[in-house]
Amino acid sequence: MKQVLRYAFVAALWATSTHAAAPEQSLYPVARPSTAVEPAGIVAISSRAATPLTIPNLRPETRPESPQLIAVAARPADLPLLGPDTSLMPYLRPKSLEQEVLFKKRKLRKGSVCGDIAIQGKPVGRVSSKTKACGVKDAVQITSVSGVTLSRASTMDCGTAIALNKWVDKTVKPTFKRRGPVVQLQVAAHYACRTRNNQKGARVSEHGKGRAIDISGFVMADGEVVTVLKGWRKNPSQKQLKKIWRGACGPFGTVLGPNSDRYHRDHFHLDTARYRTGSYCR
């Protein structure tokens, strides 16, 4: 009996708590009133569901056309359309000019010696002499090297002609580029069967073997003459002549100038004699 009453009491208590009236105020948080002052970012986020977020157009506006630019870009009314007669492509060379260039090149090739078109002259062949130590086996007579003429045709062998051409091309012409251009070499001596410095009893000079040439001056295109005698100790010729003298040491085996002795005070002696110790330059 007691157990029945206990169950009845529990059931009545459960029914009373289940059907009790709801609290007057909900335990869930209430939405903030719309009149509340909030930061712009929070308002935008809270109202996103109700009002779509409008993204402004971030593309730059087109720049207005400049009257000056329009004036420059405008095509003149009197300018004709480009056609075949006014093409920007270069015209072909006239046949006459082309033939003239080819003729000049053929002429240079015909007058070249020692296998180099830059060395102009003619072959001489064997140059004999009564003196056994003198003579040239295959001599050539040179009139110009690297476009620079010689004041007189000079006899030598091809080794000397090639060295002379290299010296003029790599040293003489660049040195006188601003002052010149240089157009002529003044030749003081070339092949001659004689002793060194014409001294009695001395050994035969390289001149007697066709392996030497003496240069005393340089002629510019405007007629100016730079001589070794006057220019060696006077600027600006001094600096240029010394540079030319140094540049010869290499292509030639022996290079003598005004500082070597009194016999060479007015010219450069250049020869292709070779020594075990290298070039002799003084």
C-alpha atoms as a PDB file:
ATOM      1  CA  MET A   1       0.000   0.000   0.000  1.00  0.00           C
ATOM      2  CA  LYS A   2       2.795   2.346   0.835  1.00  0.00           C
ATOM      3  CA  GLN A   3       4.502   1.620  -2.440  1.00  0.00           C
ATOM      4  CA  VAL A   4       1.346   2.476  -4.400  1.00  0.00           C
ATOM      5  CA  LEU A   5       1.025   5.786  -2.657  1.00  0.00           C
ATOM      6  CA  ARG A   6       4.662   6.564  -3.395  1.00  0.00           C
ATOM      7  CA  TYR A   7       4.179   5.990  -7.156  1.00  0.00           C
ATOM      8  CA  ALA A   8       1.037   8.156  -7.151  1.00  0.00           C
ATOM      9  CA  PHE A   9       2.913  11.007  -5.487  1.00  0.00           C
ATOM     10  CA  VAL A  10       5.791  10.867  -7.979  1.00  0.00           C
ATOM     11  CA  ALA A  11       3.364  10.843 -10.921  1.00  0.00           C
ATOM     12  CA  ALA A  12       1.490  13.870  -9.585  1.00  0.00           C
ATOM     13  CA  LEU A  13       4.745  15.743  -9.044  1.00  0.00           C
ATOM     14  CA  TRP A  14       5.907  14.994 -12.576  1.00  0.00           C
ATOM     15  CA  ALA A  15       2.673  16.203 -14.099  1.00  0.00           C
ATOM     16  CA  THR A  16       2.832  19.429 -12.147  1.00  0.00           C
ATOM     17  CA  SER A  17       6.438  20.267 -13.268  1.00  0.00           C
ATOM     18  CA  THR A  18       5.784  19.363 -16.927  1.00  0.00           C
ATOM     19  CA  HIS A  19       2.710  21.483 -17.452  1.00  0.00           C
ATOM     20  CA  ALA A  20       3.933  24.454 -15.460  1.00  0.00           C
ATOM     21  CA  ALA A  21       3.635  27.866 -17.079  1.00  0.00           C
ATOM     22  CA  ALA A  22       6.651  29.070 -19.151  1.00  0.00           C
ATOM     23  CA  PRO A  23       8.720  31.838 -17.685  1.00  0.00           C
ATOM     24  CA  GLU A  24       7.666  35.315 -18.705  1.00  0.00           C
ATOM     25  CA  GLN A  25      11.199  36.065 -19.984  1.00  0.00           C
ATOM     26  CA  SER A  26      13.120  33.712 -22.285  1.00  0.00           C
ATOM     27  CA  LEU A  27      16.575  32.645 -21.318  1.00  0.00           C
ATOM     28  CA  TYR A  28      17.800  33.182 -24.924  1.00  0.00           C
ATOM     29  CA  PRO A  29      19.418  36.603 -25.637  1.00  0.00           C
ATOM     30  CA  VAL A  30      17.162  39.207 -27.157  1.00  0.00           C
ATOM     31  CA  ALA A  31      18.218  40.841 -30.449  1.00  0.00           C
ATOM     32  CA  ARG A  32      19.553  44.347 -30.069  1.00  0.00           C
ATOM     33  CA  PRO A  33      17.184  47.100 -31.052  1.00  0.00           C
ATOM     34  CA  SER A  34      17.850  48.670 -34.469  1.00  0.00           C
ATOM     35  CA  THR A  35      18.278  52.087 -32.875  1.00  0.00           C
ATOM     36  CA  ALA A  36      21.428  51.022 -31.084  1.00  0.00           C
ATOM     37  CA  VAL A  37      24.623  52.703 -32.223  1.00  0.00           C
ATOM     38  CA  GLU A  38      27.027  50.133 -33.654  1.00  0.00           C
ATOM     39  CA  PRO A  39      30.167  50.317 -35.763  1.00  0.00           C
ATOM     40  CA  ALA A  40      29.598  50.309 -39.506  1.00  0.00           C
ATOM     41  CA  GLY A  41      31.280  46.959 -39.931  1.00  0.00           C
ATOM     42  CA  ILE A  42      29.104  45.239 -37.296  1.00  0.00           C
ATOM     43  CA  VAL A  43      25.866  46.714 -38.723  1.00  0.00           C
ATOM     44  CA  ALA A  44      26.842  45.503 -42.202  1.00  0.00           C
ATOM     45  CA  ILE A  45      27.522  41.994 -40.901  1.00  0.00           C
ATOM     46  CA  SER A  46      24.381  41.782 -38.781  1.00  0.00           C
ATOM     47  CA  SER A  47      22.183  43.042 -41.586  1.00  0.00           C
ATOM     48  CA  ARG A  48      23.764  40.914 -44.339  1.00  0.00           C
ATOM     49  CA  ALA A  49      21.003  38.373 -44.217  1.00  0.00           C
ATOM     50  CA  ALA A  50      18.358  41.000 -44.678  1.00  0.00           C
ATOM     51  CA  THR A  51      20.073  43.427 -47.078  1.00  0.00           C
ATOM     52  CA  PRO A  52      22.668  42.268 -49.720  1.00  0.00           C
ATOM     53  CA  LEU A  53      26.078  43.937 -49.413  1.00  0.00           C
ATOM     54  CA  THR A  54      26.722  46.296 -52.331  1.00  0.00           C
ATOM     55  CA  ILE A  55      30.407  46.256 -53.541  1.00  0.00           C
ATOM     56  CA  PRO A  56      31.456  49.505 -55.164  1.00  0.00           C
ATOM     57  CA  ASN A  57      33.022  49.431 -58.659  1.00  0.00           C
ATOM     58  CA  LEU A  58      36.787  49.582 -58.124  1.00  0.00           C
ATOM     59  CA  ARG A  59      37.831  49.771 -61.822  1.00  0.00           C
ATOM     60  CA  PRO A  60      39.482  53.088 -62.732  1.00  0.00           C
ATOM     61  CA  GLU A  61      37.580  55.467 -64.881  1.00  0.00           C
ATOM     62  CA  THR A  62      38.732  55.990 -68.462  1.00  0.00           C
ATOM     63  CA  ARG A  63      41.059  58.961 -68.806  1.00  0.00           C
ATOM     64  CA  PRO A  64      39.537  61.712 -70.916  1.00  0.00           C
ATOM     65  CA  GLU A  65      41.144  62.175 -74.330  1.00  0.00           C
ATOM     66  CA  SER A  66      43.784  64.861 -74.466  1.00  0.00           C
ATOM     67  CA  PRO A  67      43.411  67.458 -77.235  1.00  0.00           C
ATOM     68  CA  GLN A  68      47.206  67.592 -77.606  1.00  0.00           C
ATOM     69  CA  LEU A  69      47.437  63.825 -78.064  1.00  0.00           C
ATOM     70  CA  ILE A  70      44.640  63.864 -80.607  1.00  0.00           C
ATOM     71  CA  ALA A  71      46.455  66.596 -82.534  1.00  0.00           C
ATOM     72  CA  VAL A  72      49.690  64.580 -82.622  1.00  0.00           C
ATOM     73  CA  ALA A  73      48.060  61.301 -83.547  1.00  0.00           C
ATOM     74  CA  ALA A  74      45.857  62.815 -86.196  1.00  0.00           C
ATOM     75  CA  ARG A  75      47.021  61.966 -89.692  1.00  0.00           C
ATOM     76  CA  PRO A  76      47.558  64.984 -91.899  1.00  0.00           C
ATOM     77  CA  ALA A  77      44.970  65.199 -94.617  1.00  0.00           C
ATOM     78  CA  ASP A  78      47.568  65.900 -97.294  1.00  0.00           C
ATOM     79  CA  LEU A  79      49.717  62.849 -96.406  1.00  0.00           C
ATOM     80  CA  PRO A  80      49.182  60.199 -99.083  1.00  0.00           C
ATOM     81  CA  LEU A  81      48.730  56.565 -98.227  1.00  0.00           C
ATOM     82  CA  LEU A  82      51.892  54.513 -98.209  1.00  0.00           C
ATOM     83  CA  GLY A  83      52.204  52.642-101.438  1.00  0.00           C
ATOM     84  CA  PRO A  84      54.950  50.813-103.300  1.00  0.00           C
ATOM     85  CA  ASP A  85      56.564  54.108-104.367  1.00  0.00           C
ATOM     86  CA  THR A  86      56.730  55.442-100.798  1.00  0.00           C
ATOM     87  CA  SER A  87      57.610  52.246 -98.920  1.00  0.00           C
ATOM     88  CA  LEU A  88      59.745  52.466 -95.799  1.00  0.00           C
ATOM     89  CA  MET A  89      61.842  49.565 -97.064  1.00  0.00           C
ATOM     90  CA  PRO A  90      65.260  50.637 -98.420  1.00  0.00           C
ATOM     91  CA  TYR A  91      65.711  50.730-102.146  1.00  0.00           C
ATOM     92  CA  LEU A  92      67.939  48.195-103.824  1.00  0.00           C
ATOM     93  CA  ARG A  93      71.357  49.432-104.853  1.00  0.00           C
ATOM     94  CA  PRO A  94      71.543  50.595-108.427  1.00  0.00           C
ATOM     95  CA  LYS A  95      73.197  48.124-110.742  1.00  0.00           C
ATOM     96  CA  SER A  96      75.793  50.707-111.713  1.00  0.00           C
ATOM     97  CA  LEU A  97      76.898  51.151-108.081  1.00  0.00           C
ATOM     98  CA  GLU A  98      76.969  47.417-107.527  1.00  0.00           C
ATOM     99  CA  GLN A  99      79.136  46.937-110.620  1.00  0.00           C
ATOM    100  CA  GLU A 100      81.453  49.730-109.498  1.00  0.00           C
ATOM    101  CA  VAL A 101      81.984  48.099-106.087  1.00  0.00           C
ATOM    102  CA  LEU A 102      82.625  44.703-107.643  1.00  0.00           C
ATOM    103  CA  PHE A 103      85.035  46.211-110.173  1.00  0.00           C
ATOM    104  CA  LYS A 104      86.974  47.977-107.414  1.00  0.00           C
ATOM    105  CA  LYS A 105      87.179  44.779-105.388  1.00  0.00           C
ATOM    106  CA  ARG A 106      88.375  42.793-108.407  1.00  0.00           C
ATOM    107  CA  LYS A 107      91.001  45.449-109.079  1.00  0.00           C
ATOM    108  CA  LEU A 108      92.240  45.291-105.492  1.00  0.00           C
ATOM    109  CA  ARG A 109      92.350  41.520-105.598  1.00  0.00           C
ATOM    110  CA  LYS A 110      94.262  41.627-108.849  1.00  0.00           C
ATOM    111  CA  GLY A 111      96.827  44.065-107.411  1.00  0.00           C
ATOM    112  CA  SER A 112      97.238  42.254-104.097  1.00  0.00           C
ATOM    113  CA  VAL A 113     100.290  40.255-103.069  1.00  0.00           C
ATOM    114  CA  CYS A 114     101.249  37.901-100.245  1.00  0.00           C
ATOM    115  CA  GLY A 115      97.723  36.449-100.242  1.00  0.00           C
ATOM    116  CA  ASP A 116      96.156  39.520 -98.611  1.00  0.00           C
ATOM    117  CA  ILE A 117      93.888  41.962-100.465  1.00  0.00           C
ATOM    118  CA  ALA A 118      94.976  44.721 -98.032  1.00  0.00           C
ATOM    119  CA  ILE A 119      98.580  44.463 -99.261  1.00  0.00           C
ATOM    120  CA  GLN A 120      98.842  46.106-102.674  1.00  0.00           C
ATOM    121  CA  GLY A 121     101.837  45.831-104.961  1.00  0.00           C
ATOM    122  CA  LYS A 122     103.356  43.433-107.436  1.00  0.00           C
ATOM    123  CA  PRO A 123     105.582  40.375-107.239  1.00  0.00           C
ATOM    124  CA  VAL A 124     109.242  40.910-108.129  1.00  0.00           C
ATOM    125  CA  GLY A 125     110.624  37.413-107.742  1.00  0.00           C
ATOM    126  CA  ARG A 126     114.205  36.720-106.862  1.00  0.00           C
ATOM    127  CA  VAL A 127     116.437  39.719-106.171  1.00  0.00           C
ATOM    128  CA  SER A 128     120.087  38.754-106.542  1.00  0.00           C
ATOM    129  CA  SER A 129     123.224  40.616-105.538  1.00  0.00           C
ATOM    130  CA  LYS A 130     126.981  40.390-105.989  1.00  0.00           C
ATOM    131  CA  THR A 131     127.281  40.277-102.235  1.00  0.00           C
ATOM    132  CA  LYS A 132     126.504  36.784-101.019  1.00  0.00           C
ATOM    133  CA  ALA A 133     124.749  37.944 -97.851  1.00  0.00           C
ATOM    134  CA  CYS A 134     122.337  40.176 -99.788  1.00  0.00           C
ATOM    135  CA  GLY A 135     119.320  39.303-101.903  1.00  0.00           C
ATOM    136  CA  VAL A 136     115.666  38.286-101.584  1.00  0.00           C
ATOM    137  CA  LYS A 137     114.284  34.947-102.717  1.00  0.00           C
ATOM    138  CA  ASP A 138     110.630  35.892-103.343  1.00  0.00           C
ATOM    139  CA  ALA A 139     110.464  39.670-103.232  1.00  0.00           C
ATOM    140  CA  VAL A 140     107.421  41.905-103.635  1.00  0.00           C
ATOM    141  CA  GLN A 141     107.179  45.610-104.331  1.00  0.00           C
ATOM    142  CA  ILE A 142     104.627  47.183-101.980  1.00  0.00           C
ATOM    143  CA  THR A 143     102.666  50.334-102.852  1.00  0.00           C
ATOM    144  CA  SER A 144     100.093  50.370-100.019  1.00  0.00           C
ATOM    145  CA  VAL A 145      99.051  48.469 -96.893  1.00  0.00           C
ATOM    146  CA  SER A 146      95.643  48.592 -95.202  1.00  0.00           C
ATOM    147  CA  GLY A 147      94.584  51.449 -97.510  1.00  0.00           C
ATOM    148  CA  VAL A 148      97.601  53.624 -96.599  1.00  0.00           C
ATOM    149  CA  THR A 149      99.983  54.323 -99.476  1.00  0.00           C
ATOM    150  CA  LEU A 150     103.765  54.269 -99.286  1.00  0.00           C
ATOM    151  CA  SER A 151     105.594  57.373-100.497  1.00  0.00           C
ATOM    152  CA  ARG A 152     107.552  55.108-102.847  1.00  0.00           C
ATOM    153  CA  ALA A 153     107.260  51.498-103.905  1.00  0.00           C
ATOM    154  CA  SER A 154     109.281  49.428-101.431  1.00  0.00           C
ATOM    155  CA  THR A 155     110.882  46.057-102.037  1.00  0.00           C
ATOM    156  CA  MET A 156     110.753  43.428 -99.276  1.00  0.00           C
ATOM    157  CA  ASP A 157     109.732  39.852 -98.610  1.00  0.00           C
ATOM    158  CA  CYS A 158     106.156  38.839 -97.737  1.00  0.00           C
ATOM    159  CA  GLY A 159     106.940  38.366 -94.051  1.00  0.00           C
ATOM    160  CA  THR A 160     107.924  42.020 -93.771  1.00  0.00           C
ATOM    161  CA  ALA A 161     104.960  43.148 -95.883  1.00  0.00           C
ATOM    162  CA  ILE A 162     102.539  41.245 -93.635  1.00  0.00           C
ATOM    163  CA  ALA A 163     104.122  42.729 -90.488  1.00  0.00           C
ATOM    164  CA  LEU A 164     103.922  46.225 -91.987  1.00  0.00           C
ATOM    165  CA  ASN A 165     100.260  45.759 -92.866  1.00  0.00           C
ATOM    166  CA  LYS A 166      99.426  44.500 -89.364  1.00  0.00           C
ATOM    167  CA  TRP A 167     101.259  47.416 -87.719  1.00  0.00           C
ATOM    168  CA  VAL A 168      99.494  50.019 -89.868  1.00  0.00           C
ATOM    169  CA  ASP A 169      96.069  48.443 -89.371  1.00  0.00           C
ATOM    170  CA  LYS A 170      96.266  47.777 -85.621  1.00  0.00           C
ATOM    171  CA  THR A 171      98.403  50.703 -84.430  1.00  0.00           C
ATOM    172  CA  VAL A 172      99.113  53.504 -86.919  1.00  0.00           C
ATOM    173  CA  LYS A 173      95.569  54.064 -88.176  1.00  0.00           C
ATOM    174  CA  PRO A 174      93.857  53.931 -84.745  1.00  0.00           C
ATOM    175  CA  THR A 175      96.479  56.268 -83.246  1.00  0.00           C
ATOM    176  CA  PHE A 176      95.922  58.944 -85.891  1.00  0.00           C
ATOM    177  CA  LYS A 177      92.176  58.363 -86.188  1.00  0.00           C
ATOM    178  CA  ARG A 178      91.149  61.735 -84.719  1.00  0.00           C
ATOM    179  CA  ARG A 179      94.038  63.707 -86.088  1.00  0.00           C
ATOM    180  CA  GLY A 180      94.012  62.070 -89.507  1.00  0.00           C
ATOM    181  CA  PRO A 181      93.110  59.800 -90.971  1.00  0.00           C
ATOM    182  CA  VAL A 182      96.615  58.864 -92.035  1.00  0.00           C
ATOM    183  CA  VAL A 183      96.889  58.372 -95.796  1.00  0.00           C
ATOM    184  CA  GLN A 184     100.610  57.881 -96.435  1.00  0.00           C
ATOM    185  CA  LEU A 185     103.793  56.513 -94.891  1.00  0.00           C
ATOM    186  CA  GLN A 186     107.004  58.343 -95.734  1.00  0.00           C
ATOM    187  CA  VAL A 187     109.584  55.678 -96.570  1.00  0.00           C
ATOM    188  CA  ALA A 188     113.186  56.582 -95.768  1.00  0.00           C
ATOM    189  CA  ALA A 189     114.677  53.250 -96.896  1.00  0.00           C
ATOM    190  CA  HIS A 190     113.700  49.730 -97.951  1.00  0.00           C
ATOM    191  CA  TYR A 191     115.779  47.070 -99.741  1.00  0.00           C
ATOM    192  CA  ALA A 192     119.433  48.007-100.167  1.00  0.00           C
ATOM    193  CA  CYS A 193     122.525  45.831-100.035  1.00  0.00           C
ATOM    194  CA  ARG A 194     124.543  47.613 -97.351  1.00  0.00           C
ATOM    195  CA  THR A 195     126.009  47.196 -93.904  1.00  0.00           C
ATOM    196  CA  ARG A 196     124.322  48.247 -90.675  1.00  0.00           C
ATOM    197  CA  ASN A 197     124.167  52.037 -90.471  1.00  0.00           C
ATOM    198  CA  ASN A 198     126.413  52.077 -93.566  1.00  0.00           C
ATOM    199  CA  GLN A 199     129.398  51.476 -91.337  1.00  0.00           C
ATOM    200  CA  LYS A 200     132.486  49.947 -92.936  1.00  0.00           C
ATOM    201  CA  GLY A 201     133.224  46.462 -91.687  1.00  0.00           C
ATOM    202  CA  ALA A 202     129.799  46.047 -90.031  1.00  0.00           C
ATOM    203  CA  ARG A 203     127.476  43.121 -90.661  1.00  0.00           C
ATOM    204  CA  VAL A 204     125.038  43.228 -93.550  1.00  0.00           C
ATOM    205  CA  SER A 205     121.827  45.049 -92.583  1.00  0.00           C
ATOM    206  CA  GLU A 206     118.404  43.424 -92.684  1.00  0.00           C
ATOM    207  CA  HIS A 207     117.709  45.904 -95.479  1.00  0.00           C
ATOM    208  CA  GLY A 208     120.050  43.853 -97.651  1.00  0.00           C
ATOM    209  CA  LYS A 209     117.882  40.775 -97.068  1.00  0.00           C
ATOM    210  CA  GLY A 210     114.545  42.423 -97.859  1.00  0.00           C
ATOM    211  CA  ARG A 211     113.430  42.209 -94.237  1.00  0.00           C
ATOM    212  CA  ALA A 212     113.488  45.872 -93.199  1.00  0.00           C
ATOM    213  CA  ILE A 213     111.868  49.230 -93.891  1.00  0.00           C
ATOM    214  CA  ASP A 214     112.502  52.702 -92.448  1.00  0.00           C
ATOM    215  CA  ILE A 215     109.588  55.093 -91.844  1.00  0.00           C
ATOM    216  CA  SER A 216     110.351  58.785 -91.312  1.00  0.00           C
ATOM    217  CA  GLY A 217     106.895  60.359 -91.233  1.00  0.00           C
ATOM    218  CA  PHE A 218     103.120  60.087 -91.561  1.00  0.00           C
ATOM    219  CA  VAL A 219     100.937  62.191 -93.883  1.00  0.00           C
ATOM    220  CA  MET A 220      97.346  63.036 -92.842  1.00  0.00           C
ATOM    221  CA  ALA A 221      94.367  63.477 -95.148  1.00  0.00           C
ATOM    222  CA  ASP A 222      94.450  67.271 -94.736  1.00  0.00           C
ATOM    223  CA  GLY A 223      98.111  67.428 -95.811  1.00  0.00           C
ATOM    224  CA  GLU A 224      99.637  67.628 -92.344  1.00  0.00           C
ATOM    225  CA  VAL A 225     102.919  65.718 -91.991  1.00  0.00           C
ATOM    226  CA  VAL A 226     104.014  64.255 -88.664  1.00  0.00           C
ATOM    227  CA  THR A 227     107.751  63.525 -88.813  1.00  0.00           C
ATOM    228  CA  VAL A 228     109.786  61.443 -86.397  1.00  0.00           C
ATOM    229  CA  LEU A 229     112.532  64.075 -86.331  1.00  0.00           C
ATOM    230  CA  LYS A 230     110.330  66.992 -85.227  1.00  0.00           C
ATOM    231  CA  GLY A 231     107.520  65.188 -83.454  1.00  0.00           C
ATOM    232  CA  TRP A 232     109.398  62.756 -81.214  1.00  0.00           C
ATOM    233  CA  ARG A 233     110.055  65.327 -78.490  1.00  0.00           C
ATOM    234  CA  LYS A 234     107.086  67.627 -79.016  1.00  0.00           C
ATOM    235  CA  ASN A 235     103.445  67.136 -77.983  1.00  0.00           C
ATOM    236  CA  PRO A 236     100.940  66.046 -79.146  1.00  0.00           C
ATOM    237  CA  SER A 237     103.029  64.179 -81.730  1.00  0.00           C
ATOM    238  CA  GLN A 238     105.384  62.817 -79.078  1.00  0.00           C
ATOM    239  CA  LYS A 239     102.683  60.775 -77.361  1.00  0.00           C
ATOM    240  CA  GLN A 240     101.327  59.436 -80.648  1.00  0.00           C
ATOM    241  CA  LEU A 241     104.732  58.556 -82.109  1.00  0.00           C
ATOM    242  CA  LYS A 242     105.763  56.705 -78.961  1.00  0.00           C
ATOM    243  CA  LYS A 243     102.537  54.732 -79.059  1.00  0.00           C
ATOM    244  CA  ILE A 244     103.218  53.835 -82.688  1.00  0.00           C
ATOM    245  CA  TRP A 245     106.804  52.862 -81.830  1.00  0.00           C
ATOM    246  CA  ARG A 246     105.605  50.541 -79.031  1.00  0.00           C
ATOM    247  CA  GLY A 247     102.941  49.043 -81.290  1.00  0.00           C
ATOM    248  CA  ALA A 248     105.588  47.987 -83.808  1.00  0.00           C
ATOM    249  CA  CYS A 249     107.304  45.884 -81.155  1.00  0.00           C
ATOM    250  CA  GLY A 250     105.655  42.528 -81.765  1.00  0.00           C
ATOM    251  CA  PRO A 251     104.835  42.446 -85.460  1.00  0.00           C
ATOM    252  CA  PHE A 252     108.505  43.290 -86.034  1.00  0.00           C
ATOM    253  CA  GLY A 253     111.521  41.629 -84.405  1.00  0.00           C
ATOM    254  CA  THR A 254     113.616  44.799 -84.245  1.00  0.00           C
ATOM    255  CA  VAL A 255     112.261  48.313 -83.661  1.00  0.00           C
ATOM    256  CA  LEU A 256     114.691  51.218 -83.393  1.00  0.00           C
ATOM    257  CA  GLY A 257     113.787  54.874 -82.863  1.00  0.00           C
ATOM    258  CA  PRO A 258     115.315  58.202 -81.811  1.00  0.00           C
ATOM    259  CA  ASN A 259     116.174  56.867 -78.345  1.00  0.00           C
ATOM    260  CA  SER A 260     118.309  54.033 -79.712  1.00  0.00           C
ATOM    261  CA  ASP A 261     121.229  55.968 -81.275  1.00  0.00           C
ATOM    262  CA  ARG A 262     122.099  58.947 -83.434  1.00  0.00           C
ATOM    263  CA  TYR A 263     121.576  56.947 -86.628  1.00  0.00           C
ATOM    264  CA  HIS A 264     117.825  56.643 -85.988  1.00  0.00           C
ATOM    265  CA  ARG A 265     117.002  60.093 -84.671  1.00  0.00           C
ATOM    266  CA  ASP A 266     114.791  60.879 -87.687  1.00  0.00           C
ATOM    267  CA  HIS A 267     113.088  57.553 -88.477  1.00  0.00           C
ATOM    268  CA  PHE A 268     111.812  54.212 -87.208  1.00  0.00           C
ATOM    269  CA  HIS A 269     113.787  51.163 -88.302  1.00  0.00           C
ATOM    270  CA  LEU A 270     111.525  48.106 -88.542  1.00  0.00           C
ATOM    271  CA  ASP A 271     112.738  44.623 -89.464  1.00  0.00           C
ATOM    272  CA  THR A 272     111.519  41.050 -89.070  1.00  0.00           C
ATOM    273  CA  ALA A 273     114.712  39.479 -87.760  1.00  0.00           C
ATOM    274  CA  ARG A 274     113.816  37.145 -84.875  1.00  0.00           C
ATOM    275  CA  TYR A 275     115.770  36.495 -81.693  1.00  0.00           C
ATOM    276  CA  ARG A 276     115.532  33.797 -79.067  1.00  0.00           C
ATOM    277  CA  THR A 277     114.959  36.414 -76.381  1.00  0.00           C
ATOM    278  CA  GLY A 278     112.054  37.990 -78.305  1.00  0.00           C
ATOM    279  CA  SER A 279     111.675  41.345 -80.030  1.00  0.00           C
ATOM    280  CA  TYR A 280     114.382  43.932 -79.602  1.00  0.00           C
ATOM    281  CA  CYS A 281     112.825  47.386 -79.176  1.00  0.00           C
ATOM    282  CA  ARG A 282     114.834  50.467 -78.342  1.00  0.00           C
END
